[in-house]
Amino acid sequence: MPNLLGNLANNWIVNADLAKQLLEQEATLLDARAPILKLFCRLPPAIPVTWQEFSRSEFPHKGKILENNKVLTQKLQAIGICQDKPVIVVADSVKGWGEDGRIVWMLRTLGQEKAVFVDGGYRALIKAGINRVKSANNPPKTGDFVISRLSNWEIQRDELKAILGNENLVIIDAREPREYAGKTPYGEQRGGHIPGAVHLYYKQLMDKQGKLLSRGEIVAILQQKGVSQSTQIVSYCSGGIRSAWLTCVLTNVGFCAKNYAGSMWEWSASPADSYPLSISFSGAG
């Protein structure tokens, strides 16, 4: 697939037409929509996945990728992930939580360099001519992917704590405004936001149809938040899902971005004197 694969390593997001072409050349398709949606509107030859399958199960670390490389490798091979074959992830970009971005961020962090998600999600792929089916898809062929973890797009709790207040760091809270202001609708043990974080609800970077804004519009929004191309960005949310999507978008546009996967579930469960939270409206928007 040389004509289509040349820029996949640098592009984390593709339009639906390119996704369709890649699928015609046997790229792997993962459907990260809510399980109930996948029961009735399947995409051939999509493999249903959830981010939880590849994440720790115990609270407050549920947002973090599984630590056991052997187990993770087996799970990813079982859904057909290969070392050199593109992986296309689709979700419901309007009603979802950025699950497609979470899966792509995870795969990139684990060393799969050709993982991308579809701009506009499921609806865009259907509009591009991918037919829906009601029957179950055939089980995927076992893949050959072997994990090689990268730290390029991930940051841990204590790494973030150590750089709080750095001049060249911008922390982005990708949650809803009410969460930034202190509400805890999704299980955080304490309310508020990480000190110094600016607010940018991740869906502000897409239109009502779930399509990404233009690169120029995204850059302008980031500039309003004090972000430049040389800024180090760390994004977080409740459990590293919405912020993983944001990390994909920011990286795709050319920013230096990392996802704090532990996010508020982990930070808010940690001792308040060492891992403080702010409740204010500075940086909200």
C-alpha atoms as a PDB file:
ATOM      1  CA  MET A   1       0.000   0.000   0.000  1.00  0.00           C
ATOM      2  CA  PRO A   2       2.801   2.467  -0.684  1.00  0.00           C
ATOM      3  CA  ASN A   3       0.572   5.092  -2.250  1.00  0.00           C
ATOM      4  CA  LEU A   4      -1.598   5.343   0.840  1.00  0.00           C
ATOM      5  CA  LEU A   5       0.783   4.575   3.687  1.00  0.00           C
ATOM      6  CA  GLY A   6       3.474   7.167   3.151  1.00  0.00           C
ATOM      7  CA  ASN A   7       2.204   9.662   5.715  1.00  0.00           C
ATOM      8  CA  LEU A   8       0.305   7.464   8.164  1.00  0.00           C
ATOM      9  CA  ALA A   9       3.099   7.575  10.728  1.00  0.00           C
ATOM     10  CA  ASN A  10       2.698  11.363  10.929  1.00  0.00           C
ATOM     11  CA  ASN A  11      -1.076  11.497  10.508  1.00  0.00           C
ATOM     12  CA  TRP A  12      -3.201  10.166  13.333  1.00  0.00           C
ATOM     13  CA  ILE A  13      -6.510  11.072  11.687  1.00  0.00           C
ATOM     14  CA  VAL A  14      -7.792  10.311   8.185  1.00  0.00           C
ATOM     15  CA  ASN A  15     -10.878  11.356   6.272  1.00  0.00           C
ATOM     16  CA  ALA A  16     -13.540   8.787   5.465  1.00  0.00           C
ATOM     17  CA  ASP A  17     -12.583   8.456   1.790  1.00  0.00           C
ATOM     18  CA  LEU A  18      -8.984   7.560   2.632  1.00  0.00           C
ATOM     19  CA  ALA A  19     -10.218   5.187   5.336  1.00  0.00           C
ATOM     20  CA  LYS A  20     -12.382   3.454   2.755  1.00  0.00           C
ATOM     21  CA  GLN A  21      -9.412   3.073   0.395  1.00  0.00           C
ATOM     22  CA  LEU A  22      -7.300   1.605   3.184  1.00  0.00           C
ATOM     23  CA  LEU A  23     -10.075  -0.832   4.068  1.00  0.00           C
ATOM     24  CA  GLU A  24     -10.271  -1.918   0.444  1.00  0.00           C
ATOM     25  CA  GLN A  25      -6.589  -2.807   0.805  1.00  0.00           C
ATOM     26  CA  GLU A  26      -7.303  -4.910   3.911  1.00  0.00           C
ATOM     27  CA  ALA A  27      -6.543  -2.481   6.712  1.00  0.00           C
ATOM     28  CA  THR A  28      -7.838  -3.609  10.111  1.00  0.00           C
ATOM     29  CA  LEU A  29     -11.054  -1.873  11.218  1.00  0.00           C
ATOM     30  CA  LEU A  30     -11.895  -1.493  14.916  1.00  0.00           C
ATOM     31  CA  ASP A  31     -15.356  -0.334  16.019  1.00  0.00           C
ATOM     32  CA  ALA A  32     -15.083   1.483  19.354  1.00  0.00           C
ATOM     33  CA  ARG A  33     -18.700   2.628  19.594  1.00  0.00           C
ATOM     34  CA  ALA A  34     -20.919   1.732  22.547  1.00  0.00           C
ATOM     35  CA  PRO A  35     -21.641  -2.044  22.591  1.00  0.00           C
ATOM     36  CA  ILE A  36     -25.403  -1.621  22.040  1.00  0.00           C
ATOM     37  CA  LEU A  37     -24.801   0.275  18.780  1.00  0.00           C
ATOM     38  CA  LYS A  38     -22.527  -2.443  17.464  1.00  0.00           C
ATOM     39  CA  LEU A  39     -25.241  -5.059  17.977  1.00  0.00           C
ATOM     40  CA  PHE A  40     -27.583  -3.538  15.415  1.00  0.00           C
ATOM     41  CA  CYS A  41     -25.410  -1.578  12.983  1.00  0.00           C
ATOM     42  CA  ARG A  42     -22.244  -3.503  12.253  1.00  0.00           C
ATOM     43  CA  LEU A  43     -19.539  -2.417   9.861  1.00  0.00           C
ATOM     44  CA  PRO A  44     -17.957  -5.185   7.795  1.00  0.00           C
ATOM     45  CA  PRO A  45     -15.305  -6.332   8.624  1.00  0.00           C
ATOM     46  CA  ALA A  46     -15.143  -4.375  11.883  1.00  0.00           C
ATOM     47  CA  ILE A  47     -13.875  -5.893  15.117  1.00  0.00           C
ATOM     48  CA  PRO A  48     -15.752  -4.574  18.173  1.00  0.00           C
ATOM     49  CA  VAL A  49     -13.505  -3.187  20.913  1.00  0.00           C
ATOM     50  CA  THR A  50     -13.761  -1.160  24.110  1.00  0.00           C
ATOM     51  CA  TRP A  51     -10.997   0.846  25.727  1.00  0.00           C
ATOM     52  CA  GLN A  52     -11.695  -0.983  28.999  1.00  0.00           C
ATOM     53  CA  GLU A  53     -10.416  -4.270  27.523  1.00  0.00           C
ATOM     54  CA  PHE A  54      -6.904  -2.869  27.468  1.00  0.00           C
ATOM     55  CA  SER A  55      -6.998  -0.868  30.697  1.00  0.00           C
ATOM     56  CA  ARG A  56      -6.543  -1.658  34.352  1.00  0.00           C
ATOM     57  CA  SER A  57      -9.742  -2.725  36.091  1.00  0.00           C
ATOM     58  CA  GLU A  58      -9.116  -1.461  39.618  1.00  0.00           C
ATOM     59  CA  PHE A  59     -10.161   1.996  40.747  1.00  0.00           C
ATOM     60  CA  PRO A  60      -8.615   4.605  40.804  1.00  0.00           C
ATOM     61  CA  HIS A  61      -6.291   3.367  38.038  1.00  0.00           C
ATOM     62  CA  LYS A  62      -9.001   2.410  35.528  1.00  0.00           C
ATOM     63  CA  GLY A  63      -7.802   4.958  32.996  1.00  0.00           C
ATOM     64  CA  LYS A  64      -4.302   3.511  32.730  1.00  0.00           C
ATOM     65  CA  ILE A  65      -3.172   1.031  30.082  1.00  0.00           C
ATOM     66  CA  LEU A  66      -2.543  -2.512  31.304  1.00  0.00           C
ATOM     67  CA  GLU A  67       1.023  -2.890  32.542  1.00  0.00           C
ATOM     68  CA  ASN A  68       1.582  -6.517  31.509  1.00  0.00           C
ATOM     69  CA  ASN A  69       3.032  -6.437  27.984  1.00  0.00           C
ATOM     70  CA  LYS A  70       2.489 -10.155  27.446  1.00  0.00           C
ATOM     71  CA  VAL A  71      -1.222  -9.921  28.251  1.00  0.00           C
ATOM     72  CA  LEU A  72      -1.614  -6.776  26.152  1.00  0.00           C
ATOM     73  CA  THR A  73       0.202  -8.318  23.202  1.00  0.00           C
ATOM     74  CA  GLN A  74      -2.080 -11.363  23.334  1.00  0.00           C
ATOM     75  CA  LYS A  75      -5.181  -9.164  23.484  1.00  0.00           C
ATOM     76  CA  LEU A  76      -4.086  -7.050  20.525  1.00  0.00           C
ATOM     77  CA  GLN A  77      -3.043 -10.009  18.414  1.00  0.00           C
ATOM     78  CA  ALA A  78      -6.416 -11.630  19.162  1.00  0.00           C
ATOM     79  CA  ILE A  79      -8.238  -8.719  17.511  1.00  0.00           C
ATOM     80  CA  GLY A  80      -6.012  -8.886  14.451  1.00  0.00           C
ATOM     81  CA  ILE A  81      -3.507  -6.104  15.106  1.00  0.00           C
ATOM     82  CA  CYS A  82      -0.421  -6.490  12.901  1.00  0.00           C
ATOM     83  CA  GLN A  83       2.941  -4.761  12.994  1.00  0.00           C
ATOM     84  CA  ASP A  84       2.810  -3.242   9.511  1.00  0.00           C
ATOM     85  CA  LYS A  85      -0.882  -3.192   8.621  1.00  0.00           C
ATOM     86  CA  PRO A  86      -2.888   0.035   9.112  1.00  0.00           C
ATOM     87  CA  VAL A  87      -5.452   0.063  11.908  1.00  0.00           C
ATOM     88  CA  ILE A  88      -8.515   2.246  11.402  1.00  0.00           C
ATOM     89  CA  VAL A  89     -10.634   3.042  14.446  1.00  0.00           C
ATOM     90  CA  VAL A  90     -14.175   4.359  14.255  1.00  0.00           C
ATOM     91  CA  ALA A  91     -16.521   5.630  16.962  1.00  0.00           C
ATOM     92  CA  ASP A  92     -19.553   7.876  17.376  1.00  0.00           C
ATOM     93  CA  SER A  93     -17.896  11.276  17.306  1.00  0.00           C
ATOM     94  CA  VAL A  94     -21.130  13.099  18.187  1.00  0.00           C
ATOM     95  CA  LYS A  95     -22.438  11.015  21.091  1.00  0.00           C
ATOM     96  CA  GLY A  96     -19.267   9.231  22.177  1.00  0.00           C
ATOM     97  CA  TRP A  97     -16.427  10.174  24.503  1.00  0.00           C
ATOM     98  CA  GLY A  98     -13.544  10.075  22.063  1.00  0.00           C
ATOM     99  CA  GLU A  99     -13.141   6.313  22.311  1.00  0.00           C
ATOM    100  CA  ASP A 100     -11.592   6.202  18.843  1.00  0.00           C
ATOM    101  CA  GLY A 101      -8.893   8.612  19.961  1.00  0.00           C
ATOM    102  CA  ARG A 102      -8.248   6.578  23.086  1.00  0.00           C
ATOM    103  CA  ILE A 103      -7.686   3.392  21.070  1.00  0.00           C
ATOM    104  CA  VAL A 104      -5.429   5.175  18.570  1.00  0.00           C
ATOM    105  CA  TRP A 105      -3.445   6.890  21.343  1.00  0.00           C
ATOM    106  CA  MET A 106      -3.035   3.530  23.089  1.00  0.00           C
ATOM    107  CA  LEU A 107      -1.858   1.770  19.929  1.00  0.00           C
ATOM    108  CA  ARG A 108       0.618   4.541  19.088  1.00  0.00           C
ATOM    109  CA  THR A 109       1.929   4.497  22.657  1.00  0.00           C
ATOM    110  CA  LEU A 110       2.397   0.737  22.392  1.00  0.00           C
ATOM    111  CA  GLY A 111       4.347   1.097  19.135  1.00  0.00           C
ATOM    112  CA  GLN A 112       1.780   0.596  16.347  1.00  0.00           C
ATOM    113  CA  GLU A 113       2.724   3.414  13.963  1.00  0.00           C
ATOM    114  CA  LYS A 114      -0.161   3.105  11.506  1.00  0.00           C
ATOM    115  CA  ALA A 115      -3.147   3.488  13.839  1.00  0.00           C
ATOM    116  CA  VAL A 116      -5.580   6.254  12.832  1.00  0.00           C
ATOM    117  CA  PHE A 117      -9.155   7.264  13.504  1.00  0.00           C
ATOM    118  CA  VAL A 118     -11.756   8.500  11.047  1.00  0.00           C
ATOM    119  CA  ASP A 119     -12.655  12.187  11.072  1.00  0.00           C
ATOM    120  CA  GLY A 120     -16.413  12.298  11.561  1.00  0.00           C
ATOM    121  CA  GLY A 121     -16.516   8.755  12.887  1.00  0.00           C
ATOM    122  CA  TYR A 122     -19.102   6.134  12.039  1.00  0.00           C
ATOM    123  CA  ARG A 123     -21.437   8.515  10.215  1.00  0.00           C
ATOM    124  CA  ALA A 124     -18.688   9.744   7.913  1.00  0.00           C
ATOM    125  CA  LEU A 125     -17.646   6.197   7.046  1.00  0.00           C
ATOM    126  CA  ILE A 126     -21.225   5.232   6.175  1.00  0.00           C
ATOM    127  CA  LYS A 127     -21.556   8.367   4.045  1.00  0.00           C
ATOM    128  CA  ALA A 128     -18.363   7.373   2.216  1.00  0.00           C
ATOM    129  CA  GLY A 129     -20.013   4.138   1.117  1.00  0.00           C
ATOM    130  CA  ILE A 130     -19.205   1.516   3.753  1.00  0.00           C
ATOM    131  CA  ASN A 131     -22.297  -0.687   4.018  1.00  0.00           C
ATOM    132  CA  ARG A 132     -23.847  -1.758   7.309  1.00  0.00           C
ATOM    133  CA  VAL A 133     -24.676  -5.386   8.050  1.00  0.00           C
ATOM    134  CA  LYS A 134     -26.814  -7.092  10.699  1.00  0.00           C
ATOM    135  CA  SER A 135     -25.021 -10.438  10.765  1.00  0.00           C
ATOM    136  CA  ALA A 136     -21.980 -11.065  12.938  1.00  0.00           C
ATOM    137  CA  ASN A 137     -18.579 -10.554  11.351  1.00  0.00           C
ATOM    138  CA  ASN A 138     -16.121 -13.422  11.042  1.00  0.00           C
ATOM    139  CA  PRO A 139     -13.503 -13.697  13.818  1.00  0.00           C
ATOM    140  CA  PRO A 140     -10.313 -11.809  12.925  1.00  0.00           C
ATOM    141  CA  LYS A 141      -7.127 -13.571  11.925  1.00  0.00           C
ATOM    142  CA  THR A 142      -4.531 -13.498  14.678  1.00  0.00           C
ATOM    143  CA  GLY A 143      -2.161 -10.562  14.285  1.00  0.00           C
ATOM    144  CA  ASP A 144       1.601 -10.408  14.759  1.00  0.00           C
ATOM    145  CA  PHE A 145       1.922  -7.113  16.646  1.00  0.00           C
ATOM    146  CA  VAL A 146       4.430  -7.040  19.509  1.00  0.00           C
ATOM    147  CA  ILE A 147       4.366  -4.169  21.982  1.00  0.00           C
ATOM    148  CA  SER A 148       7.220  -1.674  22.100  1.00  0.00           C
ATOM    149  CA  ARG A 149       6.162   1.053  24.519  1.00  0.00           C
ATOM    150  CA  LEU A 150       6.927   4.696  23.801  1.00  0.00           C
ATOM    151  CA  SER A 151       6.818   7.586  26.263  1.00  0.00           C
ATOM    152  CA  ASN A 152       6.363  10.242  23.556  1.00  0.00           C
ATOM    153  CA  TRP A 153       2.638  10.778  24.158  1.00  0.00           C
ATOM    154  CA  GLU A 154       2.122   9.631  27.745  1.00  0.00           C
ATOM    155  CA  ILE A 155       2.914  11.107  31.149  1.00  0.00           C
ATOM    156  CA  GLN A 156       2.570   9.593  34.612  1.00  0.00           C
ATOM    157  CA  ARG A 157       1.169  11.253  37.731  1.00  0.00           C
ATOM    158  CA  ASP A 158       4.472  11.985  39.449  1.00  0.00           C
ATOM    159  CA  GLU A 159       6.108  13.106  36.217  1.00  0.00           C
ATOM    160  CA  LEU A 160       3.333  15.670  35.858  1.00  0.00           C
ATOM    161  CA  LYS A 161       3.600  16.720  39.492  1.00  0.00           C
ATOM    162  CA  ALA A 162       7.329  17.343  39.027  1.00  0.00           C
ATOM    163  CA  ILE A 163       6.827  19.813  36.175  1.00  0.00           C
ATOM    164  CA  LEU A 164       3.796  21.736  37.495  1.00  0.00           C
ATOM    165  CA  GLY A 165       4.462  25.433  37.083  1.00  0.00           C
ATOM    166  CA  ASN A 166       7.034  25.063  34.312  1.00  0.00           C
ATOM    167  CA  GLU A 167       6.984  28.094  32.042  1.00  0.00           C
ATOM    168  CA  ASN A 168       6.755  26.088  28.823  1.00  0.00           C
ATOM    169  CA  LEU A 169       4.021  23.730  30.076  1.00  0.00           C
ATOM    170  CA  VAL A 170       0.300  24.100  29.404  1.00  0.00           C
ATOM    171  CA  ILE A 171      -2.039  21.656  31.128  1.00  0.00           C
ATOM    172  CA  ILE A 172      -5.392  21.246  29.396  1.00  0.00           C
ATOM    173  CA  ASP A 173      -8.499  19.994  31.184  1.00  0.00           C
ATOM    174  CA  ALA A 174     -10.557  18.354  28.417  1.00  0.00           C
ATOM    175  CA  ARG A 175     -13.672  17.817  30.537  1.00  0.00           C
ATOM    176  CA  GLU A 176     -17.020  19.612  30.616  1.00  0.00           C
ATOM    177  CA  PRO A 177     -17.096  23.106  32.162  1.00  0.00           C
ATOM    178  CA  ARG A 178     -18.986  21.824  35.231  1.00  0.00           C
ATOM    179  CA  GLU A 179     -16.231  19.285  35.902  1.00  0.00           C
ATOM    180  CA  TYR A 180     -13.511  21.907  35.599  1.00  0.00           C
ATOM    181  CA  ALA A 181     -15.453  24.048  38.082  1.00  0.00           C
ATOM    182  CA  GLY A 182     -15.622  21.272  40.680  1.00  0.00           C
ATOM    183  CA  LYS A 183     -18.510  18.918  39.904  1.00  0.00           C
ATOM    184  CA  THR A 184     -17.762  15.172  40.066  1.00  0.00           C
ATOM    185  CA  PRO A 185     -20.337  13.389  37.859  1.00  0.00           C
ATOM    186  CA  TYR A 186     -17.989  10.598  36.757  1.00  0.00           C
ATOM    187  CA  GLY A 187     -16.535   9.240  39.975  1.00  0.00           C
ATOM    188  CA  GLU A 188     -13.712  11.579  40.951  1.00  0.00           C
ATOM    189  CA  GLN A 189     -13.067  11.471  44.693  1.00  0.00           C
ATOM    190  CA  ARG A 190     -12.404  15.214  44.853  1.00  0.00           C
ATOM    191  CA  GLY A 191     -13.630  18.026  42.656  1.00  0.00           C
ATOM    192  CA  GLY A 192     -11.732  20.748  40.862  1.00  0.00           C
ATOM    193  CA  HIS A 193      -8.888  20.810  38.379  1.00  0.00           C
ATOM    194  CA  ILE A 194      -5.128  20.369  38.442  1.00  0.00           C
ATOM    195  CA  PRO A 195      -3.538  23.679  39.495  1.00  0.00           C
ATOM    196  CA  GLY A 196      -2.786  25.927  36.545  1.00  0.00           C
ATOM    197  CA  ALA A 197      -4.834  23.902  34.058  1.00  0.00           C
ATOM    198  CA  VAL A 198      -6.736  25.776  31.363  1.00  0.00           C
ATOM    199  CA  HIS A 199     -10.104  24.500  30.237  1.00  0.00           C
ATOM    200  CA  LEU A 200     -10.753  23.244  26.709  1.00  0.00           C
ATOM    201  CA  TYR A 201     -13.679  20.864  26.377  1.00  0.00           C
ATOM    202  CA  TYR A 202     -12.513  18.445  23.711  1.00  0.00           C
ATOM    203  CA  LYS A 203     -15.681  18.763  21.621  1.00  0.00           C
ATOM    204  CA  GLN A 204     -14.911  22.432  21.022  1.00  0.00           C
ATOM    205  CA  LEU A 205     -12.536  21.199  18.315  1.00  0.00           C
ATOM    206  CA  MET A 206     -15.296  19.626  16.205  1.00  0.00           C
ATOM    207  CA  ASP A 207     -18.505  20.773  14.558  1.00  0.00           C
ATOM    208  CA  LYS A 208     -22.028  19.522  15.254  1.00  0.00           C
ATOM    209  CA  GLN A 209     -21.550  16.642  12.807  1.00  0.00           C
ATOM    210  CA  GLY A 210     -18.489  15.436  14.698  1.00  0.00           C
ATOM    211  CA  LYS A 211     -16.031  16.617  12.039  1.00  0.00           C
ATOM    212  CA  LEU A 212     -12.820  18.308  13.107  1.00  0.00           C
ATOM    213  CA  LEU A 213     -12.458  22.034  12.701  1.00  0.00           C
ATOM    214  CA  SER A 214      -9.824  23.168  10.219  1.00  0.00           C
ATOM    215  CA  ARG A 215      -6.196  23.189  11.266  1.00  0.00           C
ATOM    216  CA  GLY A 216      -6.229  26.982  11.300  1.00  0.00           C
ATOM    217  CA  GLU A 217      -9.261  27.090  13.580  1.00  0.00           C
ATOM    218  CA  ILE A 218      -7.731  24.565  15.974  1.00  0.00           C
ATOM    219  CA  VAL A 219      -4.432  26.460  16.112  1.00  0.00           C
ATOM    220  CA  ALA A 220      -6.302  29.721  16.805  1.00  0.00           C
ATOM    221  CA  ILE A 221      -8.224  28.139  19.688  1.00  0.00           C
ATOM    222  CA  LEU A 222      -4.994  26.791  21.162  1.00  0.00           C
ATOM    223  CA  GLN A 223      -3.280  30.162  20.812  1.00  0.00           C
ATOM    224  CA  GLN A 224      -6.100  31.708  22.831  1.00  0.00           C
ATOM    225  CA  LYS A 225      -5.201  29.232  25.581  1.00  0.00           C
ATOM    226  CA  GLY A 226      -1.560  30.301  25.543  1.00  0.00           C
ATOM    227  CA  VAL A 227      -0.309  27.383  23.463  1.00  0.00           C
ATOM    228  CA  SER A 228       2.324  27.725  20.744  1.00  0.00           C
ATOM    229  CA  GLN A 229       4.055  25.126  18.580  1.00  0.00           C
ATOM    230  CA  SER A 230       6.918  24.988  21.096  1.00  0.00           C
ATOM    231  CA  THR A 231       4.679  24.488  24.136  1.00  0.00           C
ATOM    232  CA  GLN A 232       4.604  21.147  25.948  1.00  0.00           C
ATOM    233  CA  ILE A 233       0.949  20.175  26.362  1.00  0.00           C
ATOM    234  CA  VAL A 234      -0.402  17.709  28.906  1.00  0.00           C
ATOM    235  CA  SER A 235      -4.095  16.852  28.643  1.00  0.00           C
ATOM    236  CA  TYR A 236      -6.276  15.075  31.171  1.00  0.00           C
ATOM    237  CA  CYS A 237      -9.950  14.326  31.812  1.00  0.00           C
ATOM    238  CA  SER A 238     -11.656  11.799  34.124  1.00  0.00           C
ATOM    239  CA  GLY A 239      -9.936   8.620  32.980  1.00  0.00           C
ATOM    240  CA  GLY A 240      -7.751   9.546  30.022  1.00  0.00           C
ATOM    241  CA  ILE A 241     -10.323   8.921  27.288  1.00  0.00           C
ATOM    242  CA  ARG A 242     -11.373  12.396  26.175  1.00  0.00           C
ATOM    243  CA  SER A 243      -7.840  13.642  26.778  1.00  0.00           C
ATOM    244  CA  ALA A 244      -6.427  10.805  24.648  1.00  0.00           C
ATOM    245  CA  TRP A 245      -8.644  11.973  21.787  1.00  0.00           C
ATOM    246  CA  LEU A 246      -7.404  15.523  22.339  1.00  0.00           C
ATOM    247  CA  THR A 247      -3.801  14.316  22.374  1.00  0.00           C
ATOM    248  CA  CYS A 248      -4.350  12.643  18.993  1.00  0.00           C
ATOM    249  CA  VAL A 249      -5.797  15.820  17.503  1.00  0.00           C
ATOM    250  CA  LEU A 250      -3.078  18.069  18.910  1.00  0.00           C
ATOM    251  CA  THR A 251      -0.327  15.719  17.747  1.00  0.00           C
ATOM    252  CA  ASN A 252      -1.924  15.478  14.316  1.00  0.00           C
ATOM    253  CA  VAL A 253      -1.910  19.273  14.031  1.00  0.00           C
ATOM    254  CA  GLY A 254       1.752  19.433  15.019  1.00  0.00           C
ATOM    255  CA  PHE A 255       1.769  20.230  18.725  1.00  0.00           C
ATOM    256  CA  CYS A 256       3.874  18.424  21.332  1.00  0.00           C
ATOM    257  CA  ALA A 257       1.187  16.699  23.388  1.00  0.00           C
ATOM    258  CA  LYS A 258       0.973  14.032  26.073  1.00  0.00           C
ATOM    259  CA  ASN A 259      -1.982  12.313  27.714  1.00  0.00           C
ATOM    260  CA  TYR A 260      -2.183  11.819  31.468  1.00  0.00           C
ATOM    261  CA  ALA A 261      -4.130   8.552  31.375  1.00  0.00           C
ATOM    262  CA  GLY A 262      -4.565   8.288  35.139  1.00  0.00           C
ATOM    263  CA  SER A 263      -6.290  11.673  34.961  1.00  0.00           C
ATOM    264  CA  MET A 264      -8.707  12.825  37.652  1.00  0.00           C
ATOM    265  CA  TRP A 265      -9.635   9.340  38.823  1.00  0.00           C
ATOM    266  CA  GLU A 266      -6.041   8.827  39.933  1.00  0.00           C
ATOM    267  CA  TRP A 267      -5.093  12.402  40.871  1.00  0.00           C
ATOM    268  CA  SER A 268      -8.207  13.017  42.995  1.00  0.00           C
ATOM    269  CA  ALA A 269      -7.712   9.710  44.844  1.00  0.00           C
ATOM    270  CA  SER A 270      -4.161  10.687  45.794  1.00  0.00           C
ATOM    271  CA  PRO A 271      -3.311  12.630  48.992  1.00  0.00           C
ATOM    272  CA  ALA A 272      -4.656  16.166  48.707  1.00  0.00           C
ATOM    273  CA  ASP A 273      -1.590  17.772  50.269  1.00  0.00           C
ATOM    274  CA  SER A 274       0.675  16.303  47.584  1.00  0.00           C
ATOM    275  CA  TYR A 275      -1.782  16.302  44.658  1.00  0.00           C
ATOM    276  CA  PRO A 276      -3.864  19.447  45.099  1.00  0.00           C
ATOM    277  CA  LEU A 277      -6.855  20.582  43.093  1.00  0.00           C
ATOM    278  CA  SER A 278      -8.079  24.093  42.371  1.00  0.00           C
ATOM    279  CA  ILE A 279     -11.669  25.252  42.222  1.00  0.00           C
ATOM    280  CA  SER A 280     -11.774  28.466  40.245  1.00  0.00           C
ATOM    281  CA  PHE A 281     -12.876  29.675  36.840  1.00  0.00           C
ATOM    282  CA  SER A 282      -9.539  31.012  35.634  1.00  0.00           C
ATOM    283  CA  GLY A 283      -8.737  29.500  32.264  1.00  0.00           C
ATOM    284  CA  ALA A 284     -12.292  28.281  31.710  1.00  0.00           C
ATOM    285  CA  GLY A 285     -13.852  28.673  28.329  1.00  0.00           C
END
